PDB file of N, CA and C in Angstrom:
ATOM      1  N   UNK A   1     105.143 143.363 -23.876  1.00  0.00           N
ATOM      2  CA  UNK A   1     105.996 142.178 -23.936  1.00  0.00           C
ATOM      3  C   UNK A   1     107.353 142.538 -24.537  1.00  0.00           C
ATOM      4  N   UNK A   2     107.351 143.211 -25.674  1.00  0.00           N
ATOM      5  CA  UNK A   2     108.612 143.539 -26.334  1.00  0.00           C
ATOM      6  C   UNK A   2     109.414 144.547 -25.507  1.00  0.00           C
ATOM      7  N   UNK A   3     108.714 145.374 -24.717  1.00  0.00           N
ATOM      8  CA  UNK A   3     109.423 146.347 -23.894  1.00  0.00           C
ATOM      9  C   UNK A   3     110.241 145.643 -22.819  1.00  0.00           C
ATOM     10  N   UNK A   4     109.680 144.608 -22.201  1.00  0.00           N
ATOM     11  CA  UNK A   4     110.416 143.883 -21.168  1.00  0.00           C
ATOM     12  C   UNK A   4     111.609 143.146 -21.768  1.00  0.00           C
ATOM     13  N   UNK A   5     111.455 142.624 -22.988  1.00  0.00           N
ATOM     14  CA  UNK A   5     112.573 141.952 -23.665  1.00  0.00           C
ATOM     15  C   UNK A   5     113.690 142.958 -23.921  1.00  0.00           C
ATOM     16  N   UNK A   6     113.335 144.164 -24.346  1.00  0.00           N
ATOM     17  CA  UNK A   6     114.342 145.198 -24.607  1.00  0.00           C
ATOM     18  C   UNK A   6     115.100 145.547 -23.332  1.00  0.00           C
ATOM     19  N   UNK A   7     114.394 145.642 -22.209  1.00  0.00           N
ATOM     20  CA  UNK A   7     115.039 145.959 -20.930  1.00  0.00           C
ATOM     21  C   UNK A   7     115.986 144.833 -20.522  1.00  0.00           C
ATOM     22  N   UNK A   8     115.558 143.594 -20.687  1.00  0.00           N
ATOM     23  CA  UNK A   8     116.398 142.448 -20.328  1.00  0.00           C
ATOM     24  C   UNK A   8     117.643 142.403 -21.204  1.00  0.00           C
ATOM     25  N   UNK A   9     117.485 142.607 -22.506  1.00  0.00           N
ATOM     26  CA  UNK A   9     118.640 142.556 -23.404  1.00  0.00           C
ATOM     27  C   UNK A   9     119.603 143.708 -23.127  1.00  0.00           C
ATOM     28  N   UNK A  10     119.063 144.869 -22.771  1.00  0.00           N
ATOM     29  CA  UNK A  10     119.918 145.997 -22.405  1.00  0.00           C
ATOM     30  C   UNK A  10     120.722 145.654 -21.156  1.00  0.00           C
ATOM     31  N   UNK A  11     120.066 145.040 -20.174  1.00  0.00           N
ATOM     32  CA  UNK A  11     120.753 144.637 -18.944  1.00  0.00           C
ATOM     33  C   UNK A  11     121.850 143.622 -19.240  1.00  0.00           C
ATOM     34  N   UNK A  12     121.584 142.681 -20.139  1.00  0.00           N
ATOM     35  CA  UNK A  12     122.588 141.680 -20.509  1.00  0.00           C
ATOM     36  C   UNK A  12     123.764 142.348 -21.216  1.00  0.00           C
ATOM     37  N   UNK A  13     123.479 143.307 -22.087  1.00  0.00           N
ATOM     38  CA  UNK A  13     124.553 144.024 -22.782  1.00  0.00           C
ATOM     39  C   UNK A  13     125.451 144.751 -21.788  1.00  0.00           C
ATOM     40  N   UNK A  14     124.833 145.423 -20.815  1.00  0.00           N
ATOM     41  CA  UNK A  14     125.603 146.138 -19.792  1.00  0.00           C
ATOM     42  C   UNK A  14     126.421 145.148 -18.968  1.00  0.00           C
ATOM     43  N   UNK A  15     125.808 144.013 -18.609  1.00  0.00           N
ATOM     44  CA  UNK A  15     126.517 142.993 -17.829  1.00  0.00           C
ATOM     45  C   UNK A  15     127.711 142.448 -18.603  1.00  0.00           C
ATOM     46  N   UNK A  16     127.544 142.229 -19.906  1.00  0.00           N
ATOM     47  CA  UNK A  16     128.650 141.735 -20.736  1.00  0.00           C
ATOM     48  C   UNK A  16     129.781 142.766 -20.779  1.00  0.00           C
ATOM     49  N   UNK A  17     129.439 144.035 -20.920  1.00  0.00           N
ATOM     50  CA  UNK A  17     130.459 145.089 -20.944  1.00  0.00           C
ATOM     51  C   UNK A  17     131.191 145.168 -19.608  1.00  0.00           C
ATOM     52  N   UNK A  18     130.451 145.087 -18.500  1.00  0.00           N
ATOM     53  CA  UNK A  18     131.063 145.132 -17.166  1.00  0.00           C
ATOM     54  C   UNK A  18     131.991 143.941 -16.971  1.00  0.00           C
ATOM     55  N   UNK A  19     131.567 142.774 -17.427  1.00  0.00           N
ATOM     56  CA  UNK A  19     132.391 141.566 -17.310  1.00  0.00           C
ATOM     57  C   UNK A  19     133.702 141.733 -18.074  1.00  0.00           C
ATOM     58  N   UNK A  20     133.623 142.246 -19.294  1.00  0.00           N
ATOM     59  CA  UNK A  20     134.835 142.464 -20.096  1.00  0.00           C
ATOM     60  C   UNK A  20     135.736 143.500 -19.428  1.00  0.00           C
ATOM     61  N   UNK A  21     135.159 144.593 -18.920  1.00  0.00           N
ATOM     62  CA  UNK A  21     135.969 145.641 -18.303  1.00  0.00           C
ATOM     63  C   UNK A  21     136.585 145.177 -16.990  1.00  0.00           C
ATOM     64  N   UNK A  22     135.989 144.173 -16.343  1.00  0.00           N
ATOM     65  CA  UNK A  22     136.575 143.654 -15.109  1.00  0.00           C
ATOM     66  C   UNK A  22     137.794 142.790 -15.410  1.00  0.00           C
ATOM     67  N   UNK A  23     137.872 142.272 -16.649  1.00  0.00           N
ATOM     68  CA  UNK A  23     139.002 141.433 -17.054  1.00  0.00           C
ATOM     69  C   UNK A  23     140.054 142.273 -17.778  1.00  0.00           C
ATOM     70  N   UNK A  24     139.605 143.119 -18.710  1.00  0.00           N
ATOM     71  CA  UNK A  24     140.504 143.941 -19.514  1.00  0.00           C
ATOM     72  C   UNK A  24     140.232 145.414 -19.234  1.00  0.00           C
ATOM     73  N   UNK A  25     141.261 146.260 -19.309  1.00  0.00           N
ATOM     74  CA  UNK A  25     141.023 147.695 -19.107  1.00  0.00           C
ATOM     75  C   UNK A  25     140.186 148.282 -20.241  1.00  0.00           C
ATOM     76  N   UNK A  26     139.311 149.231 -19.930  1.00  0.00           N
ATOM     77  CA  UNK A  26     138.474 149.824 -20.980  1.00  0.00           C
ATOM     78  C   UNK A  26     139.316 150.603 -21.994  1.00  0.00           C
ATOM     79  N   UNK A  27     139.262 150.198 -23.226  1.00  0.00           N
ATOM     80  CA  UNK A  27     139.844 150.953 -24.330  1.00  0.00           C
ATOM     81  C   UNK A  27     138.921 150.751 -25.524  1.00  0.00           C
ATOM     82  N   UNK A  28     139.098 151.510 -26.604  1.00  0.00           N
ATOM     83  CA  UNK A  28     138.129 151.427 -27.721  1.00  0.00           C
ATOM     84  C   UNK A  28     137.902 150.019 -28.261  1.00  0.00           C
ATOM     85  N   UNK A  29     138.948 149.197 -28.310  1.00  0.00           N
ATOM     86  CA  UNK A  29     138.788 147.840 -28.846  1.00  0.00           C
ATOM     87  C   UNK A  29     137.896 147.012 -27.923  1.00  0.00           C
ATOM     88  N   UNK A  30     138.126 147.109 -26.619  1.00  0.00           N
ATOM     89  CA  UNK A  30     137.316 146.337 -25.679  1.00  0.00           C
ATOM     90  C   UNK A  30     135.883 146.850 -25.606  1.00  0.00           C
ATOM     91  N   UNK A  31     135.695 148.159 -25.796  1.00  0.00           N
ATOM     92  CA  UNK A  31     134.335 148.706 -25.839  1.00  0.00           C
ATOM     93  C   UNK A  31     133.588 148.126 -27.041  1.00  0.00           C
ATOM     94  N   UNK A  32     134.256 148.081 -28.205  1.00  0.00           N
ATOM     95  CA  UNK A  32     133.630 147.487 -29.393  1.00  0.00           C
ATOM     96  C   UNK A  32     133.355 146.005 -29.178  1.00  0.00           C
ATOM     97  N   UNK A  33     134.281 145.310 -28.514  1.00  0.00           N
ATOM     98  CA  UNK A  33     134.089 143.889 -28.217  1.00  0.00           C
ATOM     99  C   UNK A  33     132.858 143.699 -27.330  1.00  0.00           C
ATOM    100  N   UNK A  34     132.713 144.543 -26.319  1.00  0.00           N
ATOM    101  CA  UNK A  34     131.554 144.462 -25.429  1.00  0.00           C
ATOM    102  C   UNK A  34     130.253 144.713 -26.173  1.00  0.00           C
ATOM    103  N   UNK A  35     130.249 145.721 -27.049  1.00  0.00           N
ATOM    104  CA  UNK A  35     129.049 146.019 -27.835  1.00  0.00           C
ATOM    105  C   UNK A  35     128.715 144.847 -28.753  1.00  0.00           C
ATOM    106  N   UNK A  36     129.750 144.247 -29.355  1.00  0.00           N
ATOM    107  CA  UNK A  36     129.537 143.123 -30.273  1.00  0.00           C
ATOM    108  C   UNK A  36     128.957 141.926 -29.542  1.00  0.00           C
ATOM    109  N   UNK A  37     129.537 141.578 -28.394  1.00  0.00           N
ATOM    110  CA  UNK A  37     129.029 140.436 -27.615  1.00  0.00           C
ATOM    111  C   UNK A  37     127.593 140.706 -27.172  1.00  0.00           C
ATOM    112  N   UNK A  38     127.332 141.931 -26.717  1.00  0.00           N
ATOM    113  CA  UNK A  38     125.973 142.293 -26.321  1.00  0.00           C
ATOM    114  C   UNK A  38     124.992 142.165 -27.473  1.00  0.00           C
ATOM    115  N   UNK A  39     125.418 142.595 -28.667  1.00  0.00           N
ATOM    116  CA  UNK A  39     124.549 142.511 -29.841  1.00  0.00           C
ATOM    117  C   UNK A  39     124.280 141.061 -30.225  1.00  0.00           C
ATOM    118  N   UNK A  40     125.298 140.202 -30.110  1.00  0.00           N
ATOM    119  CA  UNK A  40     125.113 138.779 -30.426  1.00  0.00           C
ATOM    120  C   UNK A  40     124.115 138.152 -29.454  1.00  0.00           C
ATOM    121  N   UNK A  41     124.269 138.461 -28.166  1.00  0.00           N
ATOM    122  CA  UNK A  41     123.345 137.922 -27.161  1.00  0.00           C
ATOM    123  C   UNK A  41     121.936 138.448 -27.413  1.00  0.00           C
ATOM    124  N   UNK A  42     121.834 139.759 -27.694  1.00  0.00           N
ATOM    125  CA  UNK A  42     120.525 140.365 -27.977  1.00  0.00           C
ATOM    126  C   UNK A  42     119.850 139.681 -29.154  1.00  0.00           C
ATOM    127  N   UNK A  43     120.617 139.447 -30.214  1.00  0.00           N
ATOM    128  CA  UNK A  43     120.065 138.821 -31.416  1.00  0.00           C
ATOM    129  C   UNK A  43     119.585 137.411 -31.118  1.00  0.00           C
ATOM    130  N   UNK A  44     120.380 136.666 -30.355  1.00  0.00           N
ATOM    131  CA  UNK A  44     120.001 135.294 -30.006  1.00  0.00           C
ATOM    132  C   UNK A  44     118.703 135.271 -29.205  1.00  0.00           C
ATOM    133  N   UNK A  45     118.573 136.183 -28.240  1.00  0.00           N
ATOM    134  CA  UNK A  45     117.347 136.238 -27.433  1.00  0.00           C
ATOM    135  C   UNK A  45     116.170 136.675 -28.298  1.00  0.00           C
ATOM    136  N   UNK A  46     116.386 137.669 -29.161  1.00  0.00           N
ATOM    137  CA  UNK A  46     115.311 138.162 -30.021  1.00  0.00           C
ATOM    138  C   UNK A  46     114.787 137.047 -30.918  1.00  0.00           C
ATOM    139  N   UNK A  47     115.698 136.291 -31.520  1.00  0.00           N
ATOM    140  CA  UNK A  47     115.296 135.187 -32.400  1.00  0.00           C
ATOM    141  C   UNK A  47     114.551 134.127 -31.595  1.00  0.00           C
ATOM    142  N   UNK A  48     115.058 133.804 -30.409  1.00  0.00           N
ATOM    143  CA  UNK A  48     114.418 132.790 -29.568  1.00  0.00           C
ATOM    144  C   UNK A  48     113.007 133.230 -29.168  1.00  0.00           C
ATOM    145  N   UNK A  49     112.860 134.498 -28.778  1.00  0.00           N
ATOM    146  CA  UNK A  49     111.562 135.005 -28.334  1.00  0.00           C
ATOM    147  C   UNK A  49     110.564 135.074 -29.486  1.00  0.00           C
ATOM    148  N   UNK A  50     111.039 135.380 -30.682  1.00  0.00           N
ATOM    149  CA  UNK A  50     110.138 135.583 -31.809  1.00  0.00           C
ATOM    150  C   UNK A  50     109.954 134.341 -32.669  1.00  0.00           C
ATOM    151  N   UNK A  51     110.629 133.262 -32.313  1.00  0.00           N
ATOM    152  CA  UNK A  51     110.494 132.019 -33.080  1.00  0.00           C
ATOM    153  C   UNK A  51     109.054 131.505 -32.987  1.00  0.00           C
ATOM    154  N   UNK A  52     108.413 131.725 -31.838  1.00  0.00           N
ATOM    155  CA  UNK A  52     107.036 131.258 -31.648  1.00  0.00           C
ATOM    156  C   UNK A  52     106.073 131.966 -32.593  1.00  0.00           C
ATOM    157  N   UNK A  53     106.401 133.204 -32.967  1.00  0.00           N
ATOM    158  CA  UNK A  53     105.523 133.971 -33.836  1.00  0.00           C
ATOM    159  C   UNK A  53     105.671 133.622 -35.303  1.00  0.00           C
ATOM    160  N   UNK A  54     106.737 132.909 -35.647  1.00  0.00           N
ATOM    161  CA  UNK A  54     106.972 132.595 -37.063  1.00  0.00           C
ATOM    162  C   UNK A  54     106.135 131.414 -37.509  1.00  0.00           C
TER     163      UNK A  54
END
């Protein structure tokens, strides 16, 4: 179960980075922005998925 969540969150992170790079040219600031947005989305999904276990 957790493996599939990790794959989905990785895909979302990549999609967020691709979306940012399609709007802005890739440079270190935009790469960090993409990683940050991906991490925020990952955290939100992780909390949502694990809320049932709490």
